């Protein structure tokens, strides 16, 4: 029985050739979607000082999948009326929270 699962993160140490993401940039922080309609999130990592060595792409996660789901490509689909949050994670654990309202 699995009780909880956490997101895997990748990071680098200081002093090397590569850096980590300082933050995640998204096109919208509040989204309104109708039931059975979709919205595409445009997201990117903001580098700190050094070039980012990517081990994996951005990861998307919904706080309540019965209200809205999100694909690995960042497409939000409204399931039923309500409000939830979609989190966009960079590989080192920094994230941006998007409020999703389904009407």
PDB file of N, CA and C in Angstrom:
ATOM      1  N   UNK A   1       0.844  -1.171   0.000  1.00  0.00           N
ATOM      2  CA  UNK A   1       0.000   0.000   0.000  1.00  0.00           C
ATOM      3  C   UNK A   1       0.886   1.230   0.000  1.00  0.00           C
ATOM      4  N   UNK A   2       0.677   2.109  -0.976  1.00  0.00           N
ATOM      5  CA  UNK A   2       1.420   3.363  -1.041  1.00  0.00           C
ATOM      6  C   UNK A   2       0.619   4.436  -0.326  1.00  0.00           C
ATOM      7  N   UNK A   3       1.234   5.065   0.666  1.00  0.00           N
ATOM      8  CA  UNK A   3       0.546   6.104   1.433  1.00  0.00           C
ATOM      9  C   UNK A   3       0.756   7.475   0.801  1.00  0.00           C
ATOM     10  N   UNK A   4       1.990   7.782   0.390  1.00  0.00           N
ATOM     11  CA  UNK A   4       2.288   9.093  -0.204  1.00  0.00           C
ATOM     12  C   UNK A   4       3.478   8.974  -1.135  1.00  0.00           C
ATOM     13  N   UNK A   5       3.510   9.844  -2.120  1.00  0.00           N
ATOM     14  CA  UNK A   5       4.609   9.892  -3.080  1.00  0.00           C
ATOM     15  C   UNK A   5       5.019  11.341  -3.238  1.00  0.00           C
ATOM     16  N   UNK A   6       6.312  11.597  -3.256  1.00  0.00           N
ATOM     17  CA  UNK A   6       6.784  12.968  -3.457  1.00  0.00           C
ATOM     18  C   UNK A   6       7.460  13.088  -4.812  1.00  0.00           C
ATOM     19  N   UNK A   7       7.611  14.314  -5.278  1.00  0.00           N
ATOM     20  CA  UNK A   7       8.223  14.586  -6.563  1.00  0.00           C
ATOM     21  C   UNK A   7       9.739  14.453  -6.468  1.00  0.00           C
ATOM     22  N   UNK A   8      10.356  13.781  -7.426  1.00  0.00           N
ATOM     23  CA  UNK A   8      11.798  13.641  -7.470  1.00  0.00           C
ATOM     24  C   UNK A   8      12.407  14.946  -7.964  1.00  0.00           C
ATOM     25  N   UNK A   9      13.490  15.382  -7.298  1.00  0.00           N
ATOM     26  CA  UNK A   9      14.160  16.603  -7.739  1.00  0.00           C
ATOM     27  C   UNK A   9      15.610  16.293  -8.113  1.00  0.00           C
ATOM     28  N   UNK A  10      16.179  17.122  -8.980  1.00  0.00           N
ATOM     29  CA  UNK A  10      17.574  17.032  -9.391  1.00  0.00           C
ATOM     30  C   UNK A  10      18.208  18.386  -9.133  1.00  0.00           C
ATOM     31  N   UNK A  11      19.395  18.411  -8.610  1.00  0.00           N
ATOM     32  CA  UNK A  11      20.057  19.681  -8.366  1.00  0.00           C
ATOM     33  C   UNK A  11      21.560  19.517  -8.527  1.00  0.00           C
ATOM     34  N   UNK A  12      22.251  20.621  -8.626  1.00  0.00           N
ATOM     35  CA  UNK A  12      23.711  20.613  -8.758  1.00  0.00           C
ATOM     36  C   UNK A  12      24.312  21.382  -7.593  1.00  0.00           C
ATOM     37  N   UNK A  13      25.571  21.105  -7.327  1.00  0.00           N
ATOM     38  CA  UNK A  13      26.252  21.821  -6.254  1.00  0.00           C
ATOM     39  C   UNK A  13      26.842  23.121  -6.789  1.00  0.00           C
ATOM     40  N   UNK A  14      27.142  24.048  -5.904  1.00  0.00           N
ATOM     41  CA  UNK A  14      27.725  25.324  -6.320  1.00  0.00           C
ATOM     42  C   UNK A  14      29.189  25.126  -6.716  1.00  0.00           C
ATOM     43  N   UNK A  15      29.686  26.032  -7.514  1.00  0.00           N
ATOM     44  CA  UNK A  15      31.079  25.969  -7.933  1.00  0.00           C
ATOM     45  C   UNK A  15      31.308  25.205  -9.216  1.00  0.00           C
ATOM     46  N   UNK A  16      30.277  24.594  -9.760  1.00  0.00           N
ATOM     47  CA  UNK A  16      30.425  23.816 -10.980  1.00  0.00           C
ATOM     48  C   UNK A  16      30.116  24.642 -12.220  1.00  0.00           C
ATOM     49  N   UNK A  17      30.035  23.951 -13.321  1.00  0.00           N
ATOM     50  CA  UNK A  17      29.789  24.571 -14.622  1.00  0.00           C
ATOM     51  C   UNK A  17      28.321  24.948 -14.813  1.00  0.00           C
ATOM     52  N   UNK A  18      27.423  24.215 -14.158  1.00  0.00           N
ATOM     53  CA  UNK A  18      25.992  24.415 -14.351  1.00  0.00           C
ATOM     54  C   UNK A  18      25.329  24.964 -13.097  1.00  0.00           C
ATOM     55  N   UNK A  19      24.157  25.573 -13.273  1.00  0.00           N
ATOM     56  CA  UNK A  19      23.385  26.114 -12.157  1.00  0.00           C
ATOM     57  C   UNK A  19      22.015  25.477 -12.089  1.00  0.00           C
ATOM     58  N   UNK A  20      21.155  26.090 -11.285  1.00  0.00           N
ATOM     59  CA  UNK A  20      19.799  25.582 -11.109  1.00  0.00           C
ATOM     60  C   UNK A  20      18.799  26.667 -11.501  1.00  0.00           C
ATOM     61  N   UNK A  21      17.549  26.289 -11.597  1.00  0.00           N
ATOM     62  CA  UNK A  21      16.499  27.245 -11.916  1.00  0.00           C
ATOM     63  C   UNK A  21      16.223  28.115 -10.699  1.00  0.00           C
ATOM     64  N   UNK A  22      16.128  29.429 -10.922  1.00  0.00           N
ATOM     65  CA  UNK A  22      15.812  30.367  -9.851  1.00  0.00           C
ATOM     66  C   UNK A  22      14.307  30.381  -9.601  1.00  0.00           C
ATOM     67  N   UNK A  23      13.522  30.266 -10.674  1.00  0.00           N
ATOM     68  CA  UNK A  23      12.066  30.270 -10.565  1.00  0.00           C
ATOM     69  C   UNK A  23      11.467  29.670 -11.827  1.00  0.00           C
ATOM     70  N   UNK A  24      10.145  29.580 -11.840  1.00  0.00           N
ATOM     71  CA  UNK A  24       9.397  29.100 -13.003  1.00  0.00           C
ATOM     72  C   UNK A  24       8.523  30.247 -13.481  1.00  0.00           C
ATOM     73  N   UNK A  25       8.549  30.502 -14.783  1.00  0.00           N
ATOM     74  CA  UNK A  25       7.740  31.569 -15.373  1.00  0.00           C
ATOM     75  C   UNK A  25       6.576  30.938 -16.132  1.00  0.00           C
ATOM     76  N   UNK A  26       5.340  31.448 -15.884  1.00  0.00           N
ATOM     77  CA  UNK A  26       4.147  30.946 -16.579  1.00  0.00           C
ATOM     78  C   UNK A  26       3.401  32.110 -17.217  1.00  0.00           C
ATOM     79  N   UNK A  27       2.580  31.789 -18.243  1.00  0.00           N
ATOM     80  CA  UNK A  27       1.844  32.848 -18.944  1.00  0.00           C
ATOM     81  C   UNK A  27       0.642  33.352 -18.158  1.00  0.00           C
ATOM     82  N   UNK A  28       0.037  32.536 -17.306  1.00  0.00           N
ATOM     83  CA  UNK A  28      -1.130  32.943 -16.501  1.00  0.00           C
ATOM     84  C   UNK A  28      -1.011  32.329 -15.112  1.00  0.00           C
ATOM     85  N   UNK A  29      -1.380  33.101 -14.070  1.00  0.00           N
ATOM     86  CA  UNK A  29      -1.409  32.550 -12.719  1.00  0.00           C
ATOM     87  C   UNK A  29      -2.830  32.260 -12.264  1.00  0.00           C
ATOM     88  N   UNK A  30      -3.826  32.759 -12.999  1.00  0.00           N
ATOM     89  CA  UNK A  30      -5.237  32.450 -12.748  1.00  0.00           C
ATOM     90  C   UNK A  30      -5.877  32.076 -14.075  1.00  0.00           C
ATOM     91  N   UNK A  31      -6.539  30.928 -14.098  1.00  0.00           N
ATOM     92  CA  UNK A  31      -7.131  30.416 -15.339  1.00  0.00           C
ATOM     93  C   UNK A  31      -8.593  30.072 -15.083  1.00  0.00           C
ATOM     94  N   UNK A  32      -9.457  30.451 -16.013  1.00  0.00           N
ATOM     95  CA  UNK A  32     -10.862  30.044 -15.978  1.00  0.00           C
ATOM     96  C   UNK A  32     -11.106  29.147 -17.175  1.00  0.00           C
ATOM     97  N   UNK A  33     -11.639  27.956 -16.905  1.00  0.00           N
ATOM     98  CA  UNK A  33     -11.886  26.962 -17.946  1.00  0.00           C
ATOM     99  C   UNK A  33     -13.312  26.464 -17.786  1.00  0.00           C
ATOM    100  N   UNK A  34     -13.985  26.221 -18.900  1.00  0.00           N
ATOM    101  CA  UNK A  34     -15.315  25.613 -18.851  1.00  0.00           C
ATOM    102  C   UNK A  34     -15.160  24.097 -18.792  1.00  0.00           C
ATOM    103  N   UNK A  35     -16.202  23.410 -18.344  1.00  0.00           N
ATOM    104  CA  UNK A  35     -16.185  21.953 -18.258  1.00  0.00           C
ATOM    105  C   UNK A  35     -15.922  21.351 -19.639  1.00  0.00           C
ATOM    106  N   UNK A  36     -15.039  20.376 -19.698  1.00  0.00           N
ATOM    107  CA  UNK A  36     -14.613  19.666 -20.913  1.00  0.00           C
ATOM    108  C   UNK A  36     -13.870  20.543 -21.913  1.00  0.00           C
ATOM    109  N   UNK A  37     -13.416  21.714 -21.509  1.00  0.00           N
ATOM    110  CA  UNK A  37     -12.582  22.570 -22.360  1.00  0.00           C
ATOM    111  C   UNK A  37     -11.158  22.563 -21.824  1.00  0.00           C
ATOM    112  N   UNK A  38     -10.212  23.031 -22.648  1.00  0.00           N
ATOM    113  CA  UNK A  38      -8.802  22.967 -22.266  1.00  0.00           C
ATOM    114  C   UNK A  38      -8.136  24.334 -22.328  1.00  0.00           C
ATOM    115  N   UNK A  39      -7.011  24.426 -21.644  1.00  0.00           N
ATOM    116  CA  UNK A  39      -6.152  25.607 -21.674  1.00  0.00           C
ATOM    117  C   UNK A  39      -4.709  25.127 -21.609  1.00  0.00           C
ATOM    118  N   UNK A  40      -3.846  25.675 -22.478  1.00  0.00           N
ATOM    119  CA  UNK A  40      -2.432  25.281 -22.529  1.00  0.00           C
ATOM    120  C   UNK A  40      -1.589  26.247 -21.716  1.00  0.00           C
ATOM    121  N   UNK A  41      -0.833  25.722 -20.761  1.00  0.00           N
ATOM    122  CA  UNK A  41       0.090  26.522 -19.959  1.00  0.00           C
ATOM    123  C   UNK A  41       1.397  26.664 -20.734  1.00  0.00           C
ATOM    124  N   UNK A  42       1.899  27.889 -20.831  1.00  0.00           N
ATOM    125  CA  UNK A  42       3.222  28.121 -21.406  1.00  0.00           C
ATOM    126  C   UNK A  42       4.141  28.432 -20.239  1.00  0.00           C
ATOM    127  N   UNK A  43       5.066  27.533 -19.952  1.00  0.00           N
ATOM    128  CA  UNK A  43       5.940  27.686 -18.785  1.00  0.00           C
ATOM    129  C   UNK A  43       7.392  27.477 -19.183  1.00  0.00           C
ATOM    130  N   UNK A  44       8.292  28.118 -18.438  1.00  0.00           N
ATOM    131  CA  UNK A  44       9.727  27.951 -18.662  1.00  0.00           C
ATOM    132  C   UNK A  44      10.475  28.179 -17.360  1.00  0.00           C
ATOM    133  N   UNK A  45      11.690  27.653 -17.303  1.00  0.00           N
ATOM    134  CA  UNK A  45      12.547  27.837 -16.144  1.00  0.00           C
ATOM    135  C   UNK A  45      13.328  29.137 -16.306  1.00  0.00           C
ATOM    136  N   UNK A  46      13.505  29.862 -15.205  1.00  0.00           N
ATOM    137  CA  UNK A  46      14.323  31.076 -15.207  1.00  0.00           C
ATOM    138  C   UNK A  46      15.637  30.712 -14.538  1.00  0.00           C
ATOM    139  N   UNK A  47      16.743  30.849 -15.275  1.00  0.00           N
ATOM    140  CA  UNK A  47      18.039  30.457 -14.718  1.00  0.00           C
ATOM    141  C   UNK A  47      18.534  31.497 -13.725  1.00  0.00           C
ATOM    142  N   UNK A  48      19.379  31.052 -12.809  1.00  0.00           N
ATOM    143  CA  UNK A  48      19.922  31.951 -11.796  1.00  0.00           C
ATOM    144  C   UNK A  48      21.119  32.700 -12.370  1.00  0.00           C
ATOM    145  N   UNK A  49      22.276  32.077 -12.435  1.00  0.00           N
ATOM    146  CA  UNK A  49      23.455  32.739 -12.998  1.00  0.00           C
ATOM    147  C   UNK A  49      24.115  31.889 -14.065  1.00  0.00           C
ATOM    148  N   UNK A  50      24.050  30.586 -13.889  1.00  0.00           N
ATOM    149  CA  UNK A  50      24.706  29.675 -14.826  1.00  0.00           C
ATOM    150  C   UNK A  50      23.677  28.917 -15.648  1.00  0.00           C
ATOM    151  N   UNK A  51      24.139  28.323 -16.727  1.00  0.00           N
ATOM    152  CA  UNK A  51      23.296  27.519 -17.612  1.00  0.00           C
ATOM    153  C   UNK A  51      22.724  26.319 -16.852  1.00  0.00           C
ATOM    154  N   UNK A  52      21.459  25.986 -17.140  1.00  0.00           N
ATOM    155  CA  UNK A  52      20.785  24.873 -16.474  1.00  0.00           C
ATOM    156  C   UNK A  52      21.054  23.584 -17.236  1.00  0.00           C
ATOM    157  N   UNK A  53      21.491  22.559 -16.532  1.00  0.00           N
ATOM    158  CA  UNK A  53      21.669  21.229 -17.110  1.00  0.00           C
ATOM    159  C   UNK A  53      20.368  20.469 -16.869  1.00  0.00           C
ATOM    160  N   UNK A  54      19.584  20.251 -17.935  1.00  0.00           N
ATOM    161  CA  UNK A  54      18.269  19.631 -17.797  1.00  0.00           C
ATOM    162  C   UNK A  54      18.366  18.121 -17.742  1.00  0.00           C
ATOM    163  N   UNK A  55      17.763  17.544 -16.687  1.00  0.00           N
ATOM    164  CA  UNK A  55      17.639  16.098 -16.553  1.00  0.00           C
ATOM    165  C   UNK A  55      16.235  15.651 -16.902  1.00  0.00           C
ATOM    166  N   UNK A  56      15.274  16.554 -16.671  1.00  0.00           N
ATOM    167  CA  UNK A  56      13.891  16.268 -17.037  1.00  0.00           C
ATOM    168  C   UNK A  56      13.177  17.578 -17.342  1.00  0.00           C
ATOM    169  N   UNK A  57      12.060  17.469 -18.022  1.00  0.00           N
ATOM    170  CA  UNK A  57      11.271  18.646 -18.387  1.00  0.00           C
ATOM    171  C   UNK A  57      10.466  19.113 -17.179  1.00  0.00           C
ATOM    172  N   UNK A  58       9.743  20.203 -17.358  1.00  0.00           N
ATOM    173  CA  UNK A  58       8.868  20.693 -16.298  1.00  0.00           C
ATOM    174  C   UNK A  58       7.791  19.654 -15.997  1.00  0.00           C
ATOM    175  N   UNK A  59       7.398  19.574 -14.739  1.00  0.00           N
ATOM    176  CA  UNK A  59       6.382  18.608 -14.327  1.00  0.00           C
ATOM    177  C   UNK A  59       5.142  19.366 -13.886  1.00  0.00           C
ATOM    178  N   UNK A  60       3.970  18.868 -14.255  1.00  0.00           N
ATOM    179  CA  UNK A  60       2.692  19.501 -13.942  1.00  0.00           C
ATOM    180  C   UNK A  60       1.897  18.583 -13.027  1.00  0.00           C
ATOM    181  N   UNK A  61       1.207  19.189 -12.035  1.00  0.00           N
ATOM    182  CA  UNK A  61       0.436  18.394 -11.087  1.00  0.00           C
ATOM    183  C   UNK A  61      -0.801  19.180 -10.659  1.00  0.00           C
ATOM    184  N   UNK A  62      -1.949  18.497 -10.595  1.00  0.00           N
ATOM    185  CA  UNK A  62      -3.202  19.116 -10.169  1.00  0.00           C
ATOM    186  C   UNK A  62      -3.464  18.768  -8.708  1.00  0.00           C
ATOM    187  N   UNK A  63      -3.983  19.746  -7.942  1.00  0.00           N
ATOM    188  CA  UNK A  63      -4.284  19.495  -6.532  1.00  0.00           C
ATOM    189  C   UNK A  63      -5.572  18.687  -6.364  1.00  0.00           C
ATOM    190  N   UNK A  64      -6.453  18.713  -7.359  1.00  0.00           N
ATOM    191  CA  UNK A  64      -7.707  17.959  -7.290  1.00  0.00           C
ATOM    192  C   UNK A  64      -8.065  17.499  -8.699  1.00  0.00           C
ATOM    193  N   UNK A  65      -7.774  16.248  -9.015  1.00  0.00           N
ATOM    194  CA  UNK A  65      -7.980  15.741 -10.376  1.00  0.00           C
ATOM    195  C   UNK A  65      -9.450  15.533 -10.717  1.00  0.00           C
ATOM    196  N   UNK A  66     -10.343  15.574  -9.734  1.00  0.00           N
ATOM    197  CA  UNK A  66     -11.771  15.456 -10.055  1.00  0.00           C
ATOM    198  C   UNK A  66     -12.319  16.780 -10.592  1.00  0.00           C
ATOM    199  N   UNK A  67     -11.649  17.894 -10.312  1.00  0.00           N
ATOM    200  CA  UNK A  67     -12.069  19.206 -10.823  1.00  0.00           C
ATOM    201  C   UNK A  67     -11.351  19.535 -12.133  1.00  0.00           C
ATOM    202  N   UNK A  68     -10.028  19.374 -12.160  1.00  0.00           N
ATOM    203  CA  UNK A  68      -9.253  19.653 -13.374  1.00  0.00           C
ATOM    204  C   UNK A  68      -8.042  18.740 -13.423  1.00  0.00           C
ATOM    205  N   UNK A  69      -7.734  18.283 -14.630  1.00  0.00           N
ATOM    206  CA  UNK A  69      -6.539  17.468 -14.827  1.00  0.00           C
ATOM    207  C   UNK A  69      -5.545  18.260 -15.654  1.00  0.00           C
ATOM    208  N   UNK A  70      -4.290  17.863 -15.604  1.00  0.00           N
ATOM    209  CA  UNK A  70      -3.256  18.517 -16.400  1.00  0.00           C
ATOM    210  C   UNK A  70      -2.359  17.431 -16.988  1.00  0.00           C
ATOM    211  N   UNK A  71      -2.037  17.569 -18.278  1.00  0.00           N
ATOM    212  CA  UNK A  71      -1.209  16.576 -18.955  1.00  0.00           C
ATOM    213  C   UNK A  71       0.274  16.888 -18.734  1.00  0.00           C
ATOM    214  N   UNK A  72       1.130  15.997 -19.185  1.00  0.00           N
ATOM    215  CA  UNK A  72       2.574  16.205 -19.065  1.00  0.00           C
ATOM    216  C   UNK A  72       3.060  17.329 -19.978  1.00  0.00           C
ATOM    217  N   UNK A  73       2.236  17.731 -20.931  1.00  0.00           N
ATOM    218  CA  UNK A  73       2.566  18.845 -21.837  1.00  0.00           C
ATOM    219  C   UNK A  73       2.047  20.180 -21.315  1.00  0.00           C
ATOM    220  N   UNK A  74       1.274  20.175 -20.219  1.00  0.00           N
ATOM    221  CA  UNK A  74       0.766  21.410 -19.633  1.00  0.00           C
ATOM    222  C   UNK A  74      -0.614  21.811 -20.106  1.00  0.00           C
ATOM    223  N   UNK A  75      -1.414  20.862 -20.560  1.00  0.00           N
ATOM    224  CA  UNK A  75      -2.772  21.152 -21.007  1.00  0.00           C
ATOM    225  C   UNK A  75      -3.741  20.859 -19.861  1.00  0.00           C
ATOM    226  N   UNK A  76      -4.422  21.911 -19.393  1.00  0.00           N
ATOM    227  CA  UNK A  76      -5.405  21.780 -18.314  1.00  0.00           C
ATOM    228  C   UNK A  76      -6.759  21.466 -18.929  1.00  0.00           C
ATOM    229  N   UNK A  77      -7.455  20.469 -18.372  1.00  0.00           N
ATOM    230  CA  UNK A  77      -8.801  20.138 -18.847  1.00  0.00           C
ATOM    231  C   UNK A  77      -9.762  20.198 -17.673  1.00  0.00           C
ATOM    232  N   UNK A  78     -10.833  20.979 -17.818  1.00  0.00           N
ATOM    233  CA  UNK A  78     -11.845  21.100 -16.778  1.00  0.00           C
ATOM    234  C   UNK A  78     -12.722  19.871 -16.732  1.00  0.00           C
ATOM    235  N   UNK A  79     -12.928  19.315 -15.539  1.00  0.00           N
ATOM    236  CA  UNK A  79     -13.748  18.120 -15.370  1.00  0.00           C
ATOM    237  C   UNK A  79     -15.134  18.462 -14.825  1.00  0.00           C
ATOM    238  N   UNK A  80     -15.168  19.204 -13.695  1.00  0.00           N
ATOM    239  CA  UNK A  80     -16.447  19.617 -13.120  1.00  0.00           C
ATOM    240  C   UNK A  80     -16.243  20.951 -12.410  1.00  0.00           C
ATOM    241  N   UNK A  81     -17.344  21.619 -12.070  1.00  0.00           N
ATOM    242  CA  UNK A  81     -17.278  22.952 -11.473  1.00  0.00           C
ATOM    243  C   UNK A  81     -16.547  22.921 -10.133  1.00  0.00           C
ATOM    244  N   UNK A  82     -15.714  23.945  -9.930  1.00  0.00           N
ATOM    245  CA  UNK A  82     -14.977  24.047  -8.677  1.00  0.00           C
ATOM    246  C   UNK A  82     -13.665  24.785  -8.892  1.00  0.00           C
ATOM    247  N   UNK A  83     -12.845  24.799  -7.858  1.00  0.00           N
ATOM    248  CA  UNK A  83     -11.557  25.475  -7.905  1.00  0.00           C
ATOM    249  C   UNK A  83     -10.469  24.532  -7.398  1.00  0.00           C
ATOM    250  N   UNK A  84      -9.337  24.552  -8.073  1.00  0.00           N
ATOM    251  CA  UNK A  84      -8.180  23.782  -7.631  1.00  0.00           C
ATOM    252  C   UNK A  84      -6.915  24.520  -8.068  1.00  0.00           C
ATOM    253  N   UNK A  85      -5.779  23.946  -7.797  1.00  0.00           N
ATOM    254  CA  UNK A  85      -4.505  24.541  -8.182  1.00  0.00           C
ATOM    255  C   UNK A  85      -3.716  23.565  -9.038  1.00  0.00           C
ATOM    256  N   UNK A  86      -2.970  24.116 -10.004  1.00  0.00           N
ATOM    257  CA  UNK A  86      -2.043  23.333 -10.802  1.00  0.00           C
ATOM    258  C   UNK A  86      -0.653  23.850 -10.464  1.00  0.00           C
ATOM    259  N   UNK A  87       0.245  22.927 -10.151  1.00  0.00           N
ATOM    260  CA  UNK A  87       1.622  23.274  -9.807  1.00  0.00           C
ATOM    261  C   UNK A  87       2.536  22.905 -10.965  1.00  0.00           C
ATOM    262  N   UNK A  88       3.460  23.821 -11.302  1.00  0.00           N
ATOM    263  CA  UNK A  88       4.450  23.575 -12.349  1.00  0.00           C
ATOM    264  C   UNK A  88       5.796  23.512 -11.651  1.00  0.00           C
ATOM    265  N   UNK A  89       6.436  22.331 -11.667  1.00  0.00           N
ATOM    266  CA  UNK A  89       7.692  22.103 -10.970  1.00  0.00           C
ATOM    267  C   UNK A  89       8.873  22.103 -11.933  1.00  0.00           C
ATOM    268  N   UNK A  90       9.956  22.790 -11.543  1.00  0.00           N
ATOM    269  CA  UNK A  90      11.233  22.668 -12.241  1.00  0.00           C
ATOM    270  C   UNK A  90      11.951  21.453 -11.652  1.00  0.00           C
ATOM    271  N   UNK A  91      13.048  21.040 -12.265  1.00  0.00           N
ATOM    272  CA  UNK A  91      13.725  19.825 -11.824  1.00  0.00           C
ATOM    273  C   UNK A  91      14.378  19.954 -10.446  1.00  0.00           C
ATOM    274  N   UNK A  92      14.651  21.179  -9.989  1.00  0.00           N
ATOM    275  CA  UNK A  92      15.278  21.333  -8.671  1.00  0.00           C
ATOM    276  C   UNK A  92      14.268  21.604  -7.567  1.00  0.00           C
ATOM    277  N   UNK A  93      12.967  21.572  -7.862  1.00  0.00           N
ATOM    278  CA  UNK A  93      11.946  21.688  -6.839  1.00  0.00           C
ATOM    279  C   UNK A  93      11.238  23.030  -6.763  1.00  0.00           C
ATOM    280  N   UNK A  94      11.755  24.081  -7.423  1.00  0.00           N
ATOM    281  CA  UNK A  94      11.040  25.355  -7.409  1.00  0.00           C
ATOM    282  C   UNK A  94       9.774  25.201  -8.250  1.00  0.00           C
ATOM    283  N   UNK A  95       8.726  25.931  -7.874  1.00  0.00           N
ATOM    284  CA  UNK A  95       7.450  25.747  -8.560  1.00  0.00           C
ATOM    285  C   UNK A  95       6.687  27.052  -8.646  1.00  0.00           C
ATOM    286  N   UNK A  96       5.652  27.035  -9.488  1.00  0.00           N
ATOM    287  CA  UNK A  96       4.702  28.142  -9.618  1.00  0.00           C
ATOM    288  C   UNK A  96       3.315  27.542  -9.464  1.00  0.00           C
ATOM    289  N   UNK A  97       2.458  28.245  -8.725  1.00  0.00           N
ATOM    290  CA  UNK A  97       1.102  27.776  -8.464  1.00  0.00           C
ATOM    291  C   UNK A  97       0.134  28.543  -9.350  1.00  0.00           C
ATOM    292  N   UNK A  98      -0.767  27.827 -10.026  1.00  0.00           N
ATOM    293  CA  UNK A  98      -1.767  28.419 -10.903  1.00  0.00           C
ATOM    294  C   UNK A  98      -3.152  28.070 -10.360  1.00  0.00           C
ATOM    295  N   UNK A  99      -3.976  29.092 -10.117  1.00  0.00           N
ATOM    296  CA  UNK A  99      -5.339  28.867  -9.634  1.00  0.00           C
ATOM    297  C   UNK A  99      -6.230  28.576 -10.828  1.00  0.00           C
ATOM    298  N   UNK A 100      -6.939  27.452 -10.783  1.00  0.00           N
ATOM    299  CA  UNK A 100      -7.809  27.029 -11.874  1.00  0.00           C
ATOM    300  C   UNK A 100      -9.248  27.021 -11.379  1.00  0.00           C
ATOM    301  N   UNK A 101     -10.105  27.776 -12.074  1.00  0.00           N
ATOM    302  CA  UNK A 101     -11.526  27.813 -11.765  1.00  0.00           C
ATOM    303  C   UNK A 101     -12.273  27.188 -12.938  1.00  0.00           C
ATOM    304  N   UNK A 102     -13.057  26.145 -12.656  1.00  0.00           N
ATOM    305  CA  UNK A 102     -13.833  25.477 -13.695  1.00  0.00           C
ATOM    306  C   UNK A 102     -15.283  25.904 -13.527  1.00  0.00           C
ATOM    307  N   UNK A 103     -15.864  26.427 -14.616  1.00  0.00           N
ATOM    308  CA  UNK A 103     -17.246  26.917 -14.587  1.00  0.00           C
ATOM    309  C   UNK A 103     -18.156  26.001 -15.373  1.00  0.00           C
TER     310      UNK A 103
END
